[in-house]
Protein backbone atom coordinates (compact mmCIF):
# COMPACT_ATOMS: atom_id res chain seq x y z
CA MET A 1 26.35 -124.31 -38.06
CA PRO A 2 26.95 -121.28 -35.83
CA THR A 3 23.99 -119.24 -34.75
CA ALA A 4 23.65 -115.46 -34.67
CA LYS A 5 24.31 -115.65 -30.87
CA ASP A 6 27.54 -117.75 -31.48
CA ASN A 7 28.77 -115.05 -33.99
CA TYR A 8 27.97 -112.29 -31.52
CA GLN A 9 29.85 -114.09 -28.77
CA GLN A 10 32.80 -114.51 -31.12
CA GLY A 11 32.85 -110.79 -31.66
CA ILE A 12 33.11 -110.34 -27.87
CA VAL A 13 36.05 -112.73 -27.85
CA MET A 14 37.66 -110.75 -30.63
CA ALA A 15 37.32 -107.50 -28.61
CA LEU A 16 38.80 -109.20 -25.51
CA ASN A 17 41.82 -110.27 -27.66
CA GLY A 18 42.47 -106.76 -28.89
CA TRP A 19 40.98 -107.01 -32.38
CA SER A 20 39.76 -103.71 -34.00
CA THR A 21 36.74 -103.42 -36.20
CA GLU A 22 39.06 -103.13 -39.18
CA ASP A 23 40.77 -106.35 -38.18
CA ILE A 24 37.39 -108.11 -38.12
CA GLN A 25 36.45 -106.68 -41.47
CA SER A 26 39.72 -107.67 -43.23
CA PHE A 27 39.59 -111.15 -41.61
CA CYS A 28 36.01 -111.68 -42.89
CA VAL A 29 36.98 -110.39 -46.38
CA LYS A 30 39.97 -112.78 -46.56
CA LEU A 31 37.86 -115.78 -45.49
CA ASN A 32 34.84 -114.74 -47.67
CA ILE A 33 32.64 -114.67 -44.53
CA PRO A 34 29.04 -113.52 -45.34
CA ASP A 35 28.17 -109.90 -44.57
CA ASP A 36 25.51 -110.88 -42.01
CA VAL A 37 28.00 -112.88 -40.04
CA THR A 38 30.53 -110.07 -40.23
CA LYS A 39 27.87 -107.70 -38.87
CA GLN A 40 27.21 -110.06 -35.97
CA PHE A 41 30.91 -110.21 -35.19
CA ILE A 42 31.08 -106.41 -35.17
CA GLU A 43 27.85 -106.05 -33.05
CA GLY A 44 29.37 -108.38 -30.44
CA HIS A 45 32.75 -106.56 -30.57
CA THR A 46 31.15 -103.17 -30.20
CA SER A 47 28.99 -104.26 -27.32
CA ALA A 48 31.91 -105.73 -25.45
CA LEU A 49 33.91 -102.48 -25.92
CA LYS A 50 31.09 -100.43 -24.59
CA HIS A 51 30.80 -102.68 -21.55
CA LEU A 52 34.50 -102.57 -20.92
CA PHE A 53 34.56 -98.78 -21.20
CA TYR A 54 31.66 -98.55 -18.76
CA CYS A 55 33.47 -100.85 -16.28
CA GLU A 56 36.61 -98.84 -16.53
CA ARG A 57 34.70 -95.61 -15.73
CA ILE A 58 33.05 -97.24 -12.68
CA THR A 59 36.46 -98.52 -11.49
CA ALA A 60 37.99 -95.04 -11.97
CA LEU A 61 35.08 -93.43 -9.99
CA ARG A 62 35.47 -95.98 -7.12
CA ARG A 63 39.20 -95.29 -6.95
CA MET A 64 38.50 -91.58 -6.80
CA CYS A 65 36.02 -92.03 -3.92
CA ALA A 66 38.35 -94.28 -2.08
CA SER A 67 41.32 -91.98 -2.35
CA SER A 68 39.21 -88.92 -1.29
CA ARG A 69 38.15 -90.89 1.87
CA GLN A 70 41.76 -91.66 2.69
CA THR A 71 42.78 -87.93 2.50
CA ARG A 72 40.17 -86.97 5.01
C-alpha cells in the first residue's frame, strides 16, 4: 500500500511529465482514487512546479550576470 510520501512523489513525477492539476484530478476521478490520495498527488505536483520555477529564475539570473560580465 503506497504511503503519503509515495503519493507525494508520484505527484512530482506527474509534474515532470507535463501533467496539469486538471489532468491529475480527471485521472483520479476516472480511477476512483480517494480524495486524500488525489490531494497528496496535487501537493507533490505543486511543490515540484514551484521548485522548477525557482530553478529557472536562478538560471536566468546567472545567465544575465554572465552576459553582463562578457560585455565589460
